[in-house]
Amino acid sequence: MKKLQNQLKTVSKKLADLTSQIEKISEQLEKAPPAAKPPKKAKAAPAKAKKAVKKAAKAKKTTKTTASKPETVLEKVFDVVKKSKAGASIEKLKKQTQLEARQLSNALYKLTKKGMIEARSRGVYFKK
């Protein structure tokens, strides 16, 4: 029991010392001249400028994608079918896409399964 009381006394003394040290430091801070303020951050760009930048970036992206030719086999085949009003025959698709028969067959199968094109008669495909 005495041991516990001694420990409590030492803890309370140390706490008292800490509080006095804190008070001294706070007094010194109050007396000290204010430190130089950190430089202000640069103001953010106005909202209109931000929108203009985004719009320009978006336009740049769209011009790149529309100006270049389709990259995938499915896109090539779909573009030919989409542009033909009377439907695209297998021969026409082979000539315009320059694909082998197997590639063309697979592309037509995938596009019909996706519901993008349909075969109204044998070997003639239309956009849905």
N, C-alpha and C. Protein backbone atom coordinates (compact mmCIF):
# COMPACT_ATOMS: atom_id res chain seq x y z
N MET A 1 0.83 -1.20 0.00
CA MET A 1 0.00 0.00 0.00
C MET A 1 0.87 1.26 0.00
N LYS A 2 1.94 1.22 0.80
CA LYS A 2 2.83 2.38 0.84
C LYS A 2 3.51 2.60 -0.50
N LYS A 3 3.82 1.49 -1.16
CA LYS A 3 4.47 1.57 -2.46
C LYS A 3 3.56 2.32 -3.45
N LEU A 4 2.31 1.99 -3.42
CA LEU A 4 1.35 2.61 -4.31
C LEU A 4 1.22 4.10 -4.02
N GLN A 5 1.21 4.46 -2.76
CA GLN A 5 1.11 5.88 -2.39
C GLN A 5 2.35 6.65 -2.85
N ASN A 6 3.50 6.04 -2.70
CA ASN A 6 4.74 6.69 -3.14
C ASN A 6 4.72 6.92 -4.65
N GLN A 7 4.24 5.92 -5.36
CA GLN A 7 4.16 6.05 -6.82
C GLN A 7 3.20 7.17 -7.22
N LEU A 8 2.08 7.25 -6.55
CA LEU A 8 1.10 8.31 -6.84
C LEU A 8 1.70 9.69 -6.57
N LYS A 9 2.47 9.82 -5.48
CA LYS A 9 3.09 11.11 -5.15
C LYS A 9 4.09 11.52 -6.24
N THR A 10 4.90 10.56 -6.71
CA THR A 10 5.87 10.90 -7.73
C THR A 10 5.19 11.29 -9.05
N VAL A 11 4.12 10.61 -9.36
CA VAL A 11 3.37 10.94 -10.58
C VAL A 11 2.78 12.34 -10.45
N SER A 12 2.22 12.67 -9.32
CA SER A 12 1.62 13.99 -9.15
C SER A 12 2.69 15.09 -9.19
N LYS A 13 3.87 14.83 -8.63
CA LYS A 13 4.96 15.81 -8.68
C LYS A 13 5.39 16.05 -10.14
N LYS A 14 5.51 14.95 -10.89
CA LYS A 14 5.92 15.08 -12.29
C LYS A 14 4.87 15.83 -13.11
N LEU A 15 3.62 15.57 -12.80
CA LEU A 15 2.55 16.29 -13.48
C LEU A 15 2.59 17.79 -13.15
N ALA A 16 2.86 18.10 -11.92
CA ALA A 16 2.96 19.51 -11.50
C ALA A 16 4.13 20.17 -12.23
N ASP A 17 5.26 19.47 -12.33
CA ASP A 17 6.41 20.02 -13.05
C ASP A 17 6.06 20.27 -14.53
N LEU A 18 5.39 19.31 -15.13
CA LEU A 18 4.98 19.46 -16.53
C LEU A 18 4.05 20.66 -16.74
N THR A 19 3.10 20.83 -15.84
CA THR A 19 2.17 21.96 -15.98
C THR A 19 2.91 23.29 -15.85
N SER A 20 3.89 23.35 -14.95
CA SER A 20 4.64 24.61 -14.81
C SER A 20 5.47 24.87 -16.07
N GLN A 21 6.04 23.83 -16.64
CA GLN A 21 6.81 24.00 -17.86
C GLN A 21 5.90 24.46 -19.01
N ILE A 22 4.71 23.92 -19.10
CA ILE A 22 3.76 24.32 -20.14
C ILE A 22 3.37 25.78 -19.97
N GLU A 23 3.17 26.21 -18.74
CA GLU A 23 2.81 27.61 -18.49
C GLU A 23 3.93 28.55 -18.92
N LYS A 24 5.18 28.18 -18.64
CA LYS A 24 6.33 29.00 -19.04
C LYS A 24 6.40 29.12 -20.56
N ILE A 25 6.22 28.02 -21.22
CA ILE A 25 6.28 28.03 -22.69
C ILE A 25 5.17 28.88 -23.27
N SER A 26 3.98 28.79 -22.72
CA SER A 26 2.85 29.57 -23.26
C SER A 26 3.09 31.06 -23.02
N GLU A 27 3.71 31.44 -21.89
CA GLU A 27 4.04 32.85 -21.64
C GLU A 27 5.05 33.35 -22.67
N GLN A 28 6.05 32.52 -22.96
CA GLN A 28 7.07 32.91 -23.94
C GLN A 28 6.45 33.09 -25.33
N LEU A 29 5.53 32.26 -25.66
CA LEU A 29 4.86 32.38 -26.95
C LEU A 29 4.05 33.67 -27.04
N GLU A 30 3.42 34.05 -25.95
CA GLU A 30 2.61 35.26 -25.95
C GLU A 30 3.48 36.50 -26.09
N LYS A 31 4.68 36.46 -25.49
CA LYS A 31 5.58 37.61 -25.54
C LYS A 31 6.32 37.71 -26.88
N ALA A 32 6.56 36.60 -27.51
CA ALA A 32 7.33 36.59 -28.76
C ALA A 32 6.58 37.29 -29.87
N PRO A 33 7.32 37.98 -30.79
CA PRO A 33 6.65 38.63 -31.91
C PRO A 33 6.08 37.56 -32.86
N PRO A 34 5.02 37.91 -33.54
CA PRO A 34 4.42 36.91 -34.44
C PRO A 34 5.42 36.55 -35.54
N ALA A 35 5.44 35.29 -35.84
CA ALA A 35 6.35 34.79 -36.89
C ALA A 35 5.83 35.23 -38.24
N ALA A 36 6.71 35.26 -39.20
CA ALA A 36 6.30 35.64 -40.56
C ALA A 36 5.27 34.65 -41.07
N LYS A 37 4.26 35.20 -41.68
CA LYS A 37 3.19 34.34 -42.19
C LYS A 37 3.71 33.55 -43.39
N PRO A 38 3.25 32.32 -43.54
CA PRO A 38 3.65 31.55 -44.71
C PRO A 38 3.06 32.19 -45.96
N PRO A 39 3.75 32.08 -47.08
CA PRO A 39 3.23 32.72 -48.30
C PRO A 39 1.87 32.14 -48.68
N LYS A 40 1.04 33.02 -49.21
CA LYS A 40 -0.29 32.58 -49.63
C LYS A 40 -0.17 31.67 -50.83
N LYS A 41 -1.08 30.72 -50.88
CA LYS A 41 -1.12 29.82 -52.03
C LYS A 41 -1.65 30.58 -53.22
N ALA A 42 -1.21 30.16 -54.37
CA ALA A 42 -1.70 30.77 -55.60
C ALA A 42 -3.18 30.47 -55.74
N LYS A 43 -3.91 31.45 -56.19
CA LYS A 43 -5.34 31.26 -56.36
C LYS A 43 -5.61 30.25 -57.46
N ALA A 44 -6.64 29.49 -57.26
CA ALA A 44 -7.04 28.50 -58.27
C ALA A 44 -7.54 29.24 -59.50
N ALA A 45 -7.39 28.61 -60.62
CA ALA A 45 -7.85 29.20 -61.87
C ALA A 45 -9.36 29.38 -61.82
N PRO A 46 -9.87 30.42 -62.42
CA PRO A 46 -11.31 30.62 -62.41
C PRO A 46 -12.04 29.45 -63.06
N ALA A 47 -13.27 29.29 -62.69
CA ALA A 47 -14.06 28.16 -63.17
C ALA A 47 -14.19 28.18 -64.70
N LYS A 48 -14.32 29.36 -65.28
CA LYS A 48 -14.46 29.44 -66.74
C LYS A 48 -13.21 28.92 -67.43
N ALA A 49 -12.04 29.25 -66.87
CA ALA A 49 -10.79 28.80 -67.48
C ALA A 49 -10.67 27.28 -67.38
N LYS A 50 -11.07 26.75 -66.24
CA LYS A 50 -11.02 25.29 -66.05
C LYS A 50 -11.92 24.60 -67.07
N LYS A 51 -13.12 25.14 -67.27
CA LYS A 51 -14.05 24.54 -68.22
C LYS A 51 -13.49 24.61 -69.64
N ALA A 52 -12.84 25.72 -69.96
CA ALA A 52 -12.28 25.87 -71.31
C ALA A 52 -11.17 24.85 -71.54
N VAL A 53 -10.35 24.63 -70.52
CA VAL A 53 -9.26 23.65 -70.65
C VAL A 53 -9.84 22.26 -70.83
N LYS A 54 -10.85 21.91 -70.03
CA LYS A 54 -11.48 20.59 -70.15
C LYS A 54 -12.11 20.42 -71.53
N LYS A 55 -12.77 21.47 -72.00
CA LYS A 55 -13.43 21.39 -73.30
C LYS A 55 -12.41 21.18 -74.42
N ALA A 56 -11.28 21.88 -74.33
CA ALA A 56 -10.24 21.74 -75.34
C ALA A 56 -9.65 20.34 -75.33
N ALA A 57 -9.43 19.80 -74.13
CA ALA A 57 -8.89 18.45 -74.02
C ALA A 57 -9.88 17.44 -74.59
N LYS A 58 -11.15 17.64 -74.31
CA LYS A 58 -12.18 16.74 -74.82
C LYS A 58 -12.24 16.79 -76.34
N ALA A 59 -12.16 17.99 -76.89
CA ALA A 59 -12.20 18.15 -78.34
C ALA A 59 -10.99 17.49 -78.98
N LYS A 60 -9.86 17.61 -78.33
CA LYS A 60 -8.63 17.00 -78.85
C LYS A 60 -8.77 15.49 -78.90
N LYS A 61 -9.35 14.91 -77.84
CA LYS A 61 -9.55 13.46 -77.80
C LYS A 61 -10.50 13.01 -78.90
N THR A 62 -11.58 13.74 -79.10
CA THR A 62 -12.57 13.31 -80.09
C THR A 62 -12.02 13.43 -81.50
N THR A 63 -11.20 14.43 -81.77
CA THR A 63 -10.65 14.55 -83.11
C THR A 63 -9.68 13.41 -83.41
N LYS A 64 -8.98 12.99 -82.40
CA LYS A 64 -8.06 11.87 -82.61
C LYS A 64 -8.82 10.60 -82.94
N THR A 65 -9.88 10.32 -82.20
CA THR A 65 -10.61 9.08 -82.41
C THR A 65 -11.42 9.09 -83.70
N THR A 66 -11.96 10.24 -84.07
CA THR A 66 -12.77 10.27 -85.28
C THR A 66 -11.91 10.33 -86.53
N ALA A 67 -10.74 10.94 -86.45
CA ALA A 67 -9.89 11.08 -87.62
C ALA A 67 -9.21 9.75 -87.97
N SER A 68 -8.91 8.93 -86.99
CA SER A 68 -8.22 7.67 -87.27
C SER A 68 -9.23 6.61 -87.70
N LYS A 69 -8.74 5.61 -88.44
CA LYS A 69 -9.59 4.53 -88.91
C LYS A 69 -9.92 3.59 -87.75
N PRO A 70 -11.01 2.83 -87.86
CA PRO A 70 -11.36 1.89 -86.81
C PRO A 70 -10.22 0.90 -86.57
N GLU A 71 -10.04 0.53 -85.35
CA GLU A 71 -8.91 -0.31 -85.00
C GLU A 71 -9.25 -1.80 -84.97
N THR A 72 -10.40 -2.14 -84.46
CA THR A 72 -10.72 -3.56 -84.30
C THR A 72 -11.42 -4.11 -85.52
N VAL A 73 -11.40 -5.42 -85.63
CA VAL A 73 -12.05 -6.10 -86.75
C VAL A 73 -13.55 -5.85 -86.70
N LEU A 74 -14.12 -5.91 -85.50
CA LEU A 74 -15.56 -5.69 -85.36
C LEU A 74 -15.95 -4.29 -85.83
N GLU A 75 -15.14 -3.30 -85.48
CA GLU A 75 -15.44 -1.94 -85.89
C GLU A 75 -15.36 -1.78 -87.41
N LYS A 76 -14.37 -2.41 -88.01
CA LYS A 76 -14.24 -2.34 -89.47
C LYS A 76 -15.46 -2.91 -90.16
N VAL A 77 -15.87 -4.09 -89.72
CA VAL A 77 -17.01 -4.76 -90.34
C VAL A 77 -18.29 -3.96 -90.09
N PHE A 78 -18.47 -3.50 -88.87
CA PHE A 78 -19.68 -2.76 -88.54
C PHE A 78 -19.77 -1.46 -89.34
N ASP A 79 -18.64 -0.78 -89.54
CA ASP A 79 -18.66 0.46 -90.32
C ASP A 79 -19.11 0.22 -91.75
N VAL A 80 -18.64 -0.86 -92.35
CA VAL A 80 -19.03 -1.16 -93.73
C VAL A 80 -20.52 -1.47 -93.79
N VAL A 81 -21.01 -2.26 -92.84
CA VAL A 81 -22.44 -2.61 -92.81
C VAL A 81 -23.28 -1.37 -92.57
N LYS A 82 -22.83 -0.51 -91.68
CA LYS A 82 -23.57 0.69 -91.32
C LYS A 82 -23.69 1.65 -92.51
N LYS A 83 -22.64 1.74 -93.32
CA LYS A 83 -22.64 2.68 -94.43
C LYS A 83 -23.43 2.20 -95.64
N SER A 84 -23.65 0.91 -95.74
CA SER A 84 -24.36 0.38 -96.91
C SER A 84 -25.87 0.43 -96.69
N LYS A 85 -26.56 1.08 -97.63
CA LYS A 85 -28.01 1.21 -97.51
C LYS A 85 -28.74 -0.04 -97.95
N ALA A 86 -28.21 -0.70 -98.98
CA ALA A 86 -28.86 -1.89 -99.53
C ALA A 86 -28.35 -3.16 -98.86
N GLY A 87 -27.60 -3.02 -97.80
CA GLY A 87 -27.06 -4.19 -97.12
C GLY A 87 -25.67 -4.51 -97.63
N ALA A 88 -24.88 -5.14 -96.80
CA ALA A 88 -23.51 -5.47 -97.17
C ALA A 88 -23.41 -6.97 -97.40
N SER A 89 -22.99 -7.34 -98.61
CA SER A 89 -22.82 -8.76 -98.91
C SER A 89 -21.44 -9.21 -98.41
N ILE A 90 -21.26 -10.53 -98.37
CA ILE A 90 -19.99 -11.08 -97.92
C ILE A 90 -18.85 -10.62 -98.83
N GLU A 91 -19.09 -10.60 -100.14
CA GLU A 91 -18.05 -10.17 -101.09
C GLU A 91 -17.65 -8.72 -100.85
N LYS A 92 -18.66 -7.88 -100.66
CA LYS A 92 -18.40 -6.46 -100.41
C LYS A 92 -17.60 -6.28 -99.12
N LEU A 93 -17.97 -7.02 -98.09
CA LEU A 93 -17.27 -6.94 -96.81
C LEU A 93 -15.81 -7.39 -96.95
N LYS A 94 -15.58 -8.46 -97.71
CA LYS A 94 -14.22 -8.96 -97.91
C LYS A 94 -13.36 -7.92 -98.60
N LYS A 95 -13.91 -7.27 -99.64
CA LYS A 95 -13.15 -6.29 -100.40
C LYS A 95 -12.83 -5.05 -99.56
N GLN A 96 -13.83 -4.55 -98.83
CA GLN A 96 -13.64 -3.29 -98.12
C GLN A 96 -12.85 -3.45 -96.82
N THR A 97 -12.99 -4.59 -96.16
CA THR A 97 -12.26 -4.77 -94.90
C THR A 97 -10.92 -5.46 -95.09
N GLN A 98 -10.75 -6.15 -96.22
CA GLN A 98 -9.53 -6.91 -96.53
C GLN A 98 -9.24 -7.95 -95.44
N LEU A 99 -10.30 -8.60 -94.98
CA LEU A 99 -10.17 -9.64 -93.97
C LEU A 99 -10.28 -11.02 -94.62
N GLU A 100 -9.74 -12.00 -93.95
CA GLU A 100 -9.88 -13.37 -94.43
C GLU A 100 -11.29 -13.86 -94.11
N ALA A 101 -11.68 -14.94 -94.76
CA ALA A 101 -13.04 -15.46 -94.61
C ALA A 101 -13.34 -15.82 -93.15
N ARG A 102 -12.38 -16.44 -92.50
CA ARG A 102 -12.58 -16.87 -91.10
C ARG A 102 -12.77 -15.67 -90.18
N GLN A 103 -11.94 -14.63 -90.35
CA GLN A 103 -12.06 -13.43 -89.52
C GLN A 103 -13.40 -12.75 -89.75
N LEU A 104 -13.80 -12.67 -91.00
CA LEU A 104 -15.06 -12.02 -91.34
C LEU A 104 -16.24 -12.79 -90.76
N SER A 105 -16.18 -14.10 -90.87
CA SER A 105 -17.25 -14.94 -90.33
C SER A 105 -17.38 -14.75 -88.82
N ASN A 106 -16.25 -14.74 -88.14
CA ASN A 106 -16.28 -14.55 -86.67
C ASN A 106 -16.83 -13.17 -86.30
N ALA A 107 -16.42 -12.15 -87.04
CA ALA A 107 -16.88 -10.80 -86.75
C ALA A 107 -18.39 -10.68 -86.97
N LEU A 108 -18.88 -11.24 -88.06
CA LEU A 108 -20.32 -11.20 -88.33
C LEU A 108 -21.11 -11.94 -87.25
N TYR A 109 -20.58 -13.07 -86.81
CA TYR A 109 -21.23 -13.84 -85.76
C TYR A 109 -21.33 -13.02 -84.46
N LYS A 110 -20.21 -12.40 -84.10
CA LYS A 110 -20.20 -11.61 -82.85
C LYS A 110 -21.12 -10.41 -82.94
N LEU A 111 -21.13 -9.74 -84.07
CA LEU A 111 -22.00 -8.58 -84.22
C LEU A 111 -23.48 -8.95 -84.20
N THR A 112 -23.82 -10.11 -84.77
CA THR A 112 -25.23 -10.53 -84.71
C THR A 112 -25.61 -10.93 -83.29
N LYS A 113 -24.70 -11.56 -82.56
CA LYS A 113 -24.99 -11.94 -81.18
C LYS A 113 -25.15 -10.71 -80.28
N LYS A 114 -24.40 -9.67 -80.58
CA LYS A 114 -24.52 -8.42 -79.82
C LYS A 114 -25.78 -7.65 -80.19
N GLY A 115 -26.39 -8.01 -81.32
CA GLY A 115 -27.61 -7.34 -81.75
C GLY A 115 -27.34 -6.06 -82.53
N MET A 116 -26.15 -5.90 -83.05
CA MET A 116 -25.81 -4.70 -83.79
C MET A 116 -26.18 -4.81 -85.27
N ILE A 117 -26.12 -6.02 -85.81
CA ILE A 117 -26.48 -6.24 -87.22
C ILE A 117 -27.43 -7.43 -87.30
N GLU A 118 -28.06 -7.57 -88.48
CA GLU A 118 -28.92 -8.72 -88.70
C GLU A 118 -28.80 -9.17 -90.15
N ALA A 119 -29.03 -10.45 -90.38
CA ALA A 119 -29.00 -11.00 -91.74
C ALA A 119 -30.44 -11.13 -92.21
N ARG A 120 -30.84 -10.27 -93.14
CA ARG A 120 -32.21 -10.31 -93.65
C ARG A 120 -32.36 -11.41 -94.69
N SER A 121 -31.32 -11.65 -95.42
CA SER A 121 -31.28 -12.79 -96.33
C SER A 121 -29.87 -13.38 -96.23
N ARG A 122 -29.72 -14.56 -96.82
CA ARG A 122 -28.44 -15.26 -96.65
C ARG A 122 -27.29 -14.48 -97.29
N GLY A 123 -26.29 -14.12 -96.44
CA GLY A 123 -25.10 -13.43 -96.94
C GLY A 123 -25.23 -11.94 -97.09
N VAL A 124 -26.35 -11.34 -96.66
CA VAL A 124 -26.55 -9.89 -96.74
C VAL A 124 -26.89 -9.37 -95.34
N TYR A 125 -26.09 -8.44 -94.87
CA TYR A 125 -26.22 -7.95 -93.49
C TYR A 125 -26.60 -6.49 -93.45
N PHE A 126 -27.48 -6.15 -92.48
CA PHE A 126 -27.97 -4.80 -92.29
C PHE A 126 -27.76 -4.39 -90.83
N LYS A 127 -27.67 -3.08 -90.66
CA LYS A 127 -27.58 -2.53 -89.30
C LYS A 127 -28.98 -2.60 -88.68
N LYS A 128 -29.05 -2.95 -87.41
CA LYS A 128 -30.35 -2.98 -86.73
C LYS A 128 -30.80 -1.61 -86.35
